[in-house]
Structure formats: C-alpha cells, structure tokens
Amino acid sequence: GPPLLRETFTVKPGLEMVVDYAANGNVCKIQLPPMGP
C-alpha cells in the first residue's frame, strides 16, 4: 500500500514540504524550510 509515515512534496522550485501522517492517514505534521522562493 501507499506510504503512511512521510512524503515530500515539491510545492514549487526551491520549496519542498515534508508531510507526516498519523496511523489513520490524516496529516499530523507539516515541515517547511526557513525561507522560500
């Protein structure tokens, strides 16, 4: 099945967002860099 713990999304060039998931599949945490484009 699909990964449940963590995914990294490229929001736009130079900006990546890391998303962690709870056991139920809902987003539990989003991590962003200090600066973006």
PDB file of all heavy atoms in Angstrom:
ATOM      1  N   GLY A   1       0.817  -1.201   0.000  1.00  0.00           N
ATOM      2  CA  GLY A   1       0.000   0.000   0.000  1.00  0.00           C
ATOM      3  C   GLY A   1       0.855   1.256   0.000  1.00  0.00           C
ATOM      4  O   GLY A   1       2.081   1.194   0.009  1.00  0.00           O
ATOM      5  N   PRO A   2       0.218   2.428  -0.004  1.00  0.00           N
ATOM      6  CA  PRO A   2       0.957   3.701  -0.065  1.00  0.00           C
ATOM      7  C   PRO A   2       1.689   3.968   1.248  1.00  0.00           C
ATOM      8  O   PRO A   2       1.317   3.446   2.298  1.00  0.00           O
ATOM      9  CB  PRO A   2      -0.140   4.741  -0.300  1.00  0.00           C
ATOM     10  CG  PRO A   2      -1.360   4.117   0.266  1.00  0.00           C
ATOM     11  CD  PRO A   2      -1.225   2.634   0.044  1.00  0.00           C
ATOM     12  N   PRO A   3       2.747   4.782   1.198  1.00  0.00           N
ATOM     13  CA  PRO A   3       3.480   5.103   2.420  1.00  0.00           C
ATOM     14  C   PRO A   3       2.602   5.910   3.371  1.00  0.00           C
ATOM     15  O   PRO A   3       1.843   6.774   2.950  1.00  0.00           O
ATOM     16  CB  PRO A   3       4.668   5.939   1.935  1.00  0.00           C
ATOM     17  CG  PRO A   3       4.227   6.490   0.623  1.00  0.00           C
ATOM     18  CD  PRO A   3       3.280   5.489   0.042  1.00  0.00           C
ATOM     19  N   LEU A   4       2.698   5.608   4.648  1.00  0.00           N
ATOM     20  CA  LEU A   4       1.860   6.288   5.627  1.00  0.00           C
ATOM     21  C   LEU A   4       2.629   7.261   6.498  1.00  0.00           C
ATOM     22  O   LEU A   4       2.028   8.131   7.112  1.00  0.00           O
ATOM     23  CB  LEU A   4       1.172   5.254   6.533  1.00  0.00           C
ATOM     24  CG  LEU A   4       0.193   4.330   5.829  1.00  0.00           C
ATOM     25  CD1 LEU A   4      -0.364   3.317   6.815  1.00  0.00           C
ATOM     26  CD2 LEU A   4      -0.933   5.120   5.207  1.00  0.00           C
ATOM     27  N   LEU A   5       3.910   7.118   6.623  1.00  0.00           N
ATOM     28  CA  LEU A   5       4.653   7.929   7.571  1.00  0.00           C
ATOM     29  C   LEU A   5       5.018   9.314   7.048  1.00  0.00           C
ATOM     30  O   LEU A   5       4.788  10.303   7.714  1.00  0.00           O
ATOM     31  CB  LEU A   5       5.940   7.205   7.998  1.00  0.00           C
ATOM     32  CG  LEU A   5       5.732   5.964   8.844  1.00  0.00           C
ATOM     33  CD1 LEU A   5       7.074   5.348   9.177  1.00  0.00           C
ATOM     34  CD2 LEU A   5       4.977   6.286  10.106  1.00  0.00           C
ATOM     35  N   ARG A   6       5.597   9.406   5.863  1.00  0.00           N
ATOM     36  CA  ARG A   6       6.142  10.688   5.418  1.00  0.00           C
ATOM     37  C   ARG A   6       6.194  10.769   3.905  1.00  0.00           C
ATOM     38  O   ARG A   6       6.512   9.802   3.242  1.00  0.00           O
ATOM     39  CB  ARG A   6       7.546  10.830   5.991  1.00  0.00           C
ATOM     40  CG  ARG A   6       8.276  12.043   5.520  1.00  0.00           C
ATOM     41  CD  ARG A   6       9.574  12.219   6.234  1.00  0.00           C
ATOM     42  NE  ARG A   6       9.255  12.802   7.531  1.00  0.00           N
ATOM     43  CZ  ARG A   6      10.141  12.963   8.495  1.00  0.00           C
ATOM     44  NH1 ARG A   6      11.357  12.571   8.342  1.00  0.00           N
ATOM     45  NH2 ARG A   6       9.793  13.529   9.625  1.00  0.00           N
ATOM     46  N   GLU A   7       5.869  11.967   3.394  1.00  0.00           N
ATOM     47  CA  GLU A   7       6.019  12.263   1.976  1.00  0.00           C
ATOM     48  C   GLU A   7       6.631  13.648   1.841  1.00  0.00           C
ATOM     49  O   GLU A   7       6.397  14.513   2.674  1.00  0.00           O
ATOM     50  CB  GLU A   7       4.665  12.267   1.257  1.00  0.00           C
ATOM     51  CG  GLU A   7       4.071  10.901   1.054  1.00  0.00           C
ATOM     52  CD  GLU A   7       2.776  10.958   0.264  1.00  0.00           C
ATOM     53  OE1 GLU A   7       1.843  11.649   0.698  1.00  0.00           O
ATOM     54  OE2 GLU A   7       2.713  10.307  -0.783  1.00  0.00           O
ATOM     55  N   THR A   8       7.375  13.842   0.782  1.00  0.00           N
ATOM     56  CA  THR A   8       7.949  15.151   0.482  1.00  0.00           C
ATOM     57  C   THR A   8       7.332  15.643  -0.820  1.00  0.00           C
ATOM     58  O   THR A   8       7.330  14.931  -1.820  1.00  0.00           O
ATOM     59  CB  THR A   8       9.474  15.065   0.346  1.00  0.00           C
ATOM     60  OG1 THR A   8      10.022  14.553   1.562  1.00  0.00           O
ATOM     61  CG2 THR A   8      10.074  16.434   0.060  1.00  0.00           C
ATOM     62  N   PHE A   9       6.796  16.851  -0.780  1.00  0.00           N
ATOM     63  CA  PHE A   9       6.176  17.463  -1.949  1.00  0.00           C
ATOM     64  C   PHE A   9       7.022  18.643  -2.400  1.00  0.00           C
ATOM     65  O   PHE A   9       7.476  19.435  -1.573  1.00  0.00           O
ATOM     66  CB  PHE A   9       4.776  17.990  -1.622  1.00  0.00           C
ATOM     67  CG  PHE A   9       3.807  16.922  -1.216  1.00  0.00           C
ATOM     68  CD1 PHE A   9       3.624  16.593   0.116  1.00  0.00           C
ATOM     69  CD2 PHE A   9       3.075  16.234  -2.166  1.00  0.00           C
ATOM     70  CE1 PHE A   9       2.722  15.622   0.506  1.00  0.00           C
ATOM     71  CE2 PHE A   9       2.171  15.252  -1.797  1.00  0.00           C
ATOM     72  CZ  PHE A   9       1.998  14.942  -0.456  1.00  0.00           C
ATOM     73  N   THR A  10       7.213  18.785  -3.704  1.00  0.00           N
ATOM     74  CA  THR A  10       7.837  19.978  -4.256  1.00  0.00           C
ATOM     75  C   THR A  10       6.696  20.931  -4.573  1.00  0.00           C
ATOM     76  O   THR A  10       5.948  20.731  -5.532  1.00  0.00           O
ATOM     77  CB  THR A  10       8.652  19.655  -5.515  1.00  0.00           C
ATOM     78  OG1 THR A  10       9.652  18.701  -5.163  1.00  0.00           O
ATOM     79  CG2 THR A  10       9.314  20.908  -6.076  1.00  0.00           C
ATOM     80  N   VAL A  11       6.543  21.944  -3.731  1.00  0.00           N
ATOM     81  CA  VAL A  11       5.454  22.911  -3.874  1.00  0.00           C
ATOM     82  C   VAL A  11       5.686  23.766  -5.112  1.00  0.00           C
ATOM     83  O   VAL A  11       4.780  23.993  -5.908  1.00  0.00           O
ATOM     84  CB  VAL A  11       5.340  23.784  -2.611  1.00  0.00           C
ATOM     85  CG1 VAL A  11       4.292  24.847  -2.777  1.00  0.00           C
ATOM     86  CG2 VAL A  11       5.053  22.907  -1.401  1.00  0.00           C
ATOM     87  N   LYS A  12       6.891  24.241  -5.253  1.00  0.00           N
ATOM     88  CA  LYS A  12       7.351  24.956  -6.439  1.00  0.00           C
ATOM     89  C   LYS A  12       8.862  24.889  -6.408  1.00  0.00           C
ATOM     90  O   LYS A  12       9.439  24.514  -5.374  1.00  0.00           O
ATOM     91  CB  LYS A  12       6.827  26.401  -6.481  1.00  0.00           C
ATOM     92  CG  LYS A  12       7.099  27.248  -5.272  1.00  0.00           C
ATOM     93  CD  LYS A  12       6.434  28.603  -5.461  1.00  0.00           C
ATOM     94  CE  LYS A  12       6.309  29.356  -4.159  1.00  0.00           C
ATOM     95  NZ  LYS A  12       5.678  30.653  -4.337  1.00  0.00           N
ATOM     96  N   PRO A  13       9.541  25.198  -7.487  1.00  0.00           N
ATOM     97  CA  PRO A  13      11.002  25.093  -7.476  1.00  0.00           C
ATOM     98  C   PRO A  13      11.604  25.879  -6.301  1.00  0.00           C
ATOM     99  O   PRO A  13      11.292  27.043  -6.097  1.00  0.00           O
ATOM    100  CB  PRO A  13      11.416  25.706  -8.821  1.00  0.00           C
ATOM    101  CG  PRO A  13      10.220  25.499  -9.697  1.00  0.00           C
ATOM    102  CD  PRO A  13       9.023  25.631  -8.785  1.00  0.00           C
ATOM    103  N   GLY A  14      12.396  25.192  -5.513  1.00  0.00           N
ATOM    104  CA  GLY A  14      13.033  25.829  -4.360  1.00  0.00           C
ATOM    105  C   GLY A  14      12.243  25.723  -3.075  1.00  0.00           C
ATOM    106  O   GLY A  14      12.666  26.237  -2.047  1.00  0.00           O
ATOM    107  N   LEU A  15      11.085  25.056  -3.092  1.00  0.00           N
ATOM    108  CA  LEU A  15      10.269  24.928  -1.888  1.00  0.00           C
ATOM    109  C   LEU A  15       9.728  23.506  -1.767  1.00  0.00           C
ATOM    110  O   LEU A  15       8.892  23.085  -2.565  1.00  0.00           O
ATOM    111  CB  LEU A  15       9.111  25.929  -1.899  1.00  0.00           C
ATOM    112  CG  LEU A  15       8.128  25.859  -0.727  1.00  0.00           C
ATOM    113  CD1 LEU A  15       8.835  25.981   0.616  1.00  0.00           C
ATOM    114  CD2 LEU A  15       7.059  26.926  -0.861  1.00  0.00           C
ATOM    115  N   GLU A  16      10.258  22.788  -0.783  1.00  0.00           N
ATOM    116  CA  GLU A  16       9.776  21.437  -0.504  1.00  0.00           C
ATOM    117  C   GLU A  16       9.059  21.421   0.829  1.00  0.00           C
ATOM    118  O   GLU A  16       9.458  22.102   1.770  1.00  0.00           O
ATOM    119  CB  GLU A  16      10.936  20.443  -0.480  1.00  0.00           C
ATOM    120  CG  GLU A  16      11.494  20.161  -1.847  1.00  0.00           C
ATOM    121  CD  GLU A  16      12.507  19.041  -1.844  1.00  0.00           C
ATOM    122  OE1 GLU A  16      12.959  18.627  -0.754  1.00  0.00           O
ATOM    123  OE2 GLU A  16      12.860  18.582  -2.937  1.00  0.00           O
ATOM    124  N   MET A  17       8.000  20.621   0.899  1.00  0.00           N
ATOM    125  CA  MET A  17       7.189  20.486   2.095  1.00  0.00           C
ATOM    126  C   MET A  17       7.200  19.009   2.481  1.00  0.00           C
ATOM    127  O   MET A  17       6.911  18.142   1.658  1.00  0.00           O
ATOM    128  CB  MET A  17       5.766  20.963   1.779  1.00  0.00           C
ATOM    129  CG  MET A  17       4.760  20.710   2.863  1.00  0.00           C
ATOM    130  SD  MET A  17       3.117  21.408   2.477  1.00  0.00           S
ATOM    131  CE  MET A  17       2.646  20.489   1.022  1.00  0.00           C
ATOM    132  N   VAL A  18       7.544  18.721   3.750  1.00  0.00           N
ATOM    133  CA  VAL A  18       7.559  17.351   4.253  1.00  0.00           C
ATOM    134  C   VAL A  18       6.305  17.159   5.096  1.00  0.00           C
ATOM    135  O   VAL A  18       6.041  17.930   6.014  1.00  0.00           O
ATOM    136  CB  VAL A  18       8.826  17.075   5.093  1.00  0.00           C
ATOM    137  CG1 VAL A  18       8.805  15.663   5.646  1.00  0.00           C
ATOM    138  CG2 VAL A  18      10.074  17.318   4.262  1.00  0.00           C
ATOM    139  N   VAL A  19       5.526  16.121   4.767  1.00  0.00           N
ATOM    140  CA  VAL A  19       4.256  15.859   5.443  1.00  0.00           C
ATOM    141  C   VAL A  19       4.334  14.504   6.134  1.00  0.00           C
ATOM    142  O   VAL A  19       4.669  13.502   5.505  1.00  0.00           O
ATOM    143  CB  VAL A  19       3.085  15.884   4.439  1.00  0.00           C
ATOM    144  CG1 VAL A  19       1.774  15.581   5.136  1.00  0.00           C
ATOM    145  CG2 VAL A  19       3.019  17.231   3.733  1.00  0.00           C
ATOM    146  N   ASP A  20       4.031  14.481   7.426  1.00  0.00           N
ATOM    147  CA  ASP A  20       3.952  13.249   8.204  1.00  0.00           C
ATOM    148  C   ASP A  20       2.491  12.902   8.405  1.00  0.00           C
ATOM    149  O   ASP A  20       1.640  13.788   8.529  1.00  0.00           O
ATOM    150  CB  ASP A  20       4.619  13.413   9.571  1.00  0.00           C
ATOM    151  CG  ASP A  20       6.118  13.576   9.464  1.00  0.00           C
ATOM    152  OD1 ASP A  20       6.739  12.815   8.710  1.00  0.00           O
ATOM    153  OD2 ASP A  20       6.672  14.468  10.135  1.00  0.00           O
ATOM    154  N   TYR A  21       2.195  11.600   8.476  1.00  0.00           N
ATOM    155  CA  TYR A  21       0.827  11.117   8.591  1.00  0.00           C
ATOM    156  C   TYR A  21       0.616  10.327   9.874  1.00  0.00           C
ATOM    157  O   TYR A  21       1.510   9.645  10.355  1.00  0.00           O
ATOM    158  CB  TYR A  21       0.464  10.239   7.392  1.00  0.00           C
ATOM    159  CG  TYR A  21       0.494  10.982   6.091  1.00  0.00           C
ATOM    160  CD1 TYR A  21       1.632  10.988   5.293  1.00  0.00           C
ATOM    161  CD2 TYR A  21      -0.608  11.701   5.665  1.00  0.00           C
ATOM    162  CE1 TYR A  21       1.668  11.692   4.105  1.00  0.00           C
ATOM    163  CE2 TYR A  21      -0.581  12.408   4.473  1.00  0.00           C
ATOM    164  CZ  TYR A  21       0.559  12.397   3.695  1.00  0.00           C
ATOM    165  OH  TYR A  21       0.593  13.101   2.526  1.00  0.00           O
ATOM    166  N   ALA A  22      -0.585  10.416  10.395  1.00  0.00           N
ATOM    167  CA  ALA A  22      -0.999   9.604  11.544  1.00  0.00           C
ATOM    168  C   ALA A  22      -1.374   8.211  11.031  1.00  0.00           C
ATOM    169  O   ALA A  22      -1.482   7.984   9.825  1.00  0.00           O
ATOM    170  CB  ALA A  22      -2.196  10.262  12.236  1.00  0.00           C
ATOM    171  N   ALA A  23      -1.586   7.284  11.951  1.00  0.00           N
ATOM    172  CA  ALA A  23      -1.939   5.913  11.577  1.00  0.00           C
ATOM    173  C   ALA A  23      -3.245   5.862  10.780  1.00  0.00           C
ATOM    174  O   ALA A  23      -3.422   4.986   9.938  1.00  0.00           O
ATOM    175  CB  ALA A  23      -2.053   5.046  12.824  1.00  0.00           C
ATOM    176  N   ASN A  24      -4.149   6.820  11.004  1.00  0.00           N
ATOM    177  CA  ASN A  24      -5.426   6.833  10.284  1.00  0.00           C
ATOM    178  C   ASN A  24      -5.315   7.463   8.896  1.00  0.00           C
ATOM    179  O   ASN A  24      -6.303   7.576   8.184  1.00  0.00           O
ATOM    180  CB  ASN A  24      -6.495   7.547  11.111  1.00  0.00           C
ATOM    181  CG  ASN A  24      -6.171   9.002  11.381  1.00  0.00           C
ATOM    182  OD1 ASN A  24      -5.222   9.555  10.836  1.00  0.00           O
ATOM    183  ND2 ASN A  24      -6.953   9.626  12.246  1.00  0.00           N
ATOM    184  N   GLY A  25      -4.113   7.919   8.505  1.00  0.00           N
ATOM    185  CA  GLY A  25      -3.900   8.507   7.187  1.00  0.00           C
ATOM    186  C   GLY A  25      -4.046  10.004   7.138  1.00  0.00           C
ATOM    187  O   GLY A  25      -3.758  10.623   6.114  1.00  0.00           O
ATOM    188  N   ASN A  26      -4.483  10.644   8.231  1.00  0.00           N
ATOM    189  CA  ASN A  26      -4.616  12.098   8.270  1.00  0.00           C
ATOM    190  C   ASN A  26      -3.252  12.751   8.465  1.00  0.00           C
ATOM    191  O   ASN A  26      -2.352  12.175   9.079  1.00  0.00           O
ATOM    192  CB  ASN A  26      -5.541  12.532   9.401  1.00  0.00           C
ATOM    193  CG  ASN A  26      -6.971  12.118   9.156  1.00  0.00           C
ATOM    194  OD1 ASN A  26      -7.370  11.824   8.045  1.00  0.00           O
ATOM    195  ND2 ASN A  26      -7.753  12.077  10.217  1.00  0.00           N
ATOM    196  N   VAL A  27      -3.124  13.966   7.982  1.00  0.00           N
ATOM    197  CA  VAL A  27      -1.886  14.727   8.175  1.00  0.00           C
ATOM    198  C   VAL A  27      -1.741  15.060   9.649  1.00  0.00           C
ATOM    199  O   VAL A  27      -2.691  15.518  10.288  1.00  0.00           O
ATOM    200  CB  VAL A  27      -1.907  16.020   7.334  1.00  0.00           C
ATOM    201  CG1 VAL A  27      -0.706  16.890   7.637  1.00  0.00           C
ATOM    202  CG2 VAL A  27      -1.973  15.693   5.852  1.00  0.00           C
ATOM    203  N   CYS A  28      -0.553  14.820  10.196  1.00  0.00           N
ATOM    204  CA  CYS A  28      -0.328  15.166  11.600  1.00  0.00           C
ATOM    205  C   CYS A  28       0.737  16.255  11.744  1.00  0.00           C
ATOM    206  O   CYS A  28       0.740  16.979  12.739  1.00  0.00           O
ATOM    207  CB  CYS A  28       0.058  13.931  12.421  1.00  0.00           C
ATOM    208  SG  CYS A  28       1.593  13.150  11.920  1.00  0.00           S
ATOM    209  N   LYS A  29       1.634  16.398  10.745  1.00  0.00           N
ATOM    210  CA  LYS A  29       2.684  17.416  10.851  1.00  0.00           C
ATOM    211  C   LYS A  29       3.155  17.814   9.463  1.00  0.00           C
ATOM    212  O   LYS A  29       3.260  16.980   8.573  1.00  0.00           O
ATOM    213  CB  LYS A  29       3.861  16.869  11.663  1.00  0.00           C
ATOM    214  CG  LYS A  29       4.972  17.856  11.879  1.00  0.00           C
ATOM    215  CD  LYS A  29       6.007  17.415  12.906  1.00  0.00           C
ATOM    216  CE  LYS A  29       6.563  16.056  12.693  1.00  0.00           C
ATOM    217  NZ  LYS A  29       7.694  15.735  13.567  1.00  0.00           N
ATOM    218  N   ILE A  30       3.433  19.111   9.290  1.00  0.00           N
ATOM    219  CA  ILE A  30       3.980  19.648   8.051  1.00  0.00           C
ATOM    220  C   ILE A  30       5.241  20.428   8.398  1.00  0.00           C
ATOM    221  O   ILE A  30       5.218  21.285   9.280  1.00  0.00           O
ATOM    222  CB  ILE A  30       2.970  20.580   7.344  1.00  0.00           C
ATOM    223  CG1 ILE A  30       1.718  19.802   6.960  1.00  0.00           C
ATOM    224  CG2 ILE A  30       3.604  21.241   6.128  1.00  0.00           C
ATOM    225  CD1 ILE A  30       0.597  20.673   6.427  1.00  0.00           C
ATOM    226  N   GLN A  31       6.327  20.129   7.702  1.00  0.00           N
ATOM    227  CA  GLN A  31       7.586  20.827   7.928  1.00  0.00           C
ATOM    228  C   GLN A  31       7.951  21.632   6.690  1.00  0.00           C
ATOM    229  O   GLN A  31       7.868  21.129   5.571  1.00  0.00           O
ATOM    230  CB  GLN A  31       8.695  19.832   8.229  1.00  0.00           C
ATOM    231  CG  GLN A  31       8.453  19.031   9.495  1.00  0.00           C
ATOM    232  CD  GLN A  31       9.497  17.961   9.685  1.00  0.00           C
ATOM    233  OE1 GLN A  31      10.679  18.251   9.700  1.00  0.00           O
ATOM    234  NE2 GLN A  31       9.050  16.728   9.830  1.00  0.00           N
ATOM    235  N   LEU A  32       8.340  22.872   6.922  1.00  0.00           N
ATOM    236  CA  LEU A  32       8.723  23.780   5.848  1.00  0.00           C
ATOM    237  C   LEU A  32      10.110  24.333   6.119  1.00  0.00           C
ATOM    238  O   LEU A  32      10.526  24.452   7.285  1.00  0.00           O
ATOM    239  CB  LEU A  32       7.718  24.927   5.738  1.00  0.00           C
ATOM    240  CG  LEU A  32       6.294  24.539   5.355  1.00  0.00           C
ATOM    241  CD1 LEU A  32       5.338  25.695   5.599  1.00  0.00           C
ATOM    242  CD2 LEU A  32       6.251  24.105   3.904  1.00  0.00           C
ATOM    243  N   PRO A  33      10.827  24.725   5.072  1.00  0.00           N
ATOM    244  CA  PRO A  33      12.143  25.334   5.265  1.00  0.00           C
ATOM    245  C   PRO A  33      12.001  26.745   5.836  1.00  0.00           C
ATOM    246  O   PRO A  33      10.905  27.305   5.862  1.00  0.00           O
ATOM    247  CB  PRO A  33      12.722  25.356   3.855  1.00  0.00           C
ATOM    248  CG  PRO A  33      11.531  25.417   2.961  1.00  0.00           C
ATOM    249  CD  PRO A  33      10.458  24.628   3.669  1.00  0.00           C
ATOM    250  N   PRO A  34      13.107  27.339   6.280  1.00  0.00           N
ATOM    251  CA  PRO A  34      13.033  28.679   6.863  1.00  0.00           C
ATOM    252  C   PRO A  34      12.708  29.766   5.849  1.00  0.00           C
ATOM    253  O   PRO A  34      12.102  30.773   6.189  1.00  0.00           O
ATOM    254  CB  PRO A  34      14.423  28.895   7.456  1.00  0.00           C
ATOM    255  CG  PRO A  34      15.313  27.977   6.693  1.00  0.00           C
ATOM    256  CD  PRO A  34      14.467  26.793   6.328  1.00  0.00           C
ATOM    257  N   MET A  35      13.119  29.553   4.592  1.00  0.00           N
ATOM    258  CA  MET A  35      12.869  30.549   3.548  1.00  0.00           C
ATOM    259  C   MET A  35      12.425  29.838   2.282  1.00  0.00           C
ATOM    260  O   MET A  35      12.724  28.666   2.077  1.00  0.00           O
ATOM    261  CB  MET A  35      14.126  31.366   3.268  1.00  0.00           C
ATOM    262  CG  MET A  35      14.562  32.198   4.454  1.00  0.00           C
ATOM    263  SD  MET A  35      15.801  33.464   4.098  1.00  0.00           S
ATOM    264  CE  MET A  35      17.057  32.592   3.237  1.00  0.00           C
ATOM    265  N   GLY A  36      11.719  30.568   1.442  1.00  0.00           N
ATOM    266  CA  GLY A  36      11.250  30.017   0.187  1.00  0.00           C
ATOM    267  C   GLY A  36      11.362  31.031  -0.927  1.00  0.00           C
ATOM    268  O   GLY A  36      11.673  32.196  -0.692  1.00  0.00           O
ATOM    269  N   PRO A  37      11.103  30.579  -2.162  1.00  0.00           N
ATOM    270  CA  PRO A  37      11.200  31.482  -3.307  1.00  0.00           C
ATOM    271  C   PRO A  37      10.158  32.589  -3.237  1.00  0.00           C
ATOM    272  O   PRO A  37       8.995  32.342  -2.974  1.00  0.00           O
ATOM    273  CB  PRO A  37      10.976  30.566  -4.511  1.00  0.00           C
ATOM    274  CG  PRO A  37      10.326  29.350  -3.962  1.00  0.00           C
ATOM    275  CD  PRO A  37      10.700  29.244  -2.524  1.00  0.00           C
TER     276      PRO A  37
END
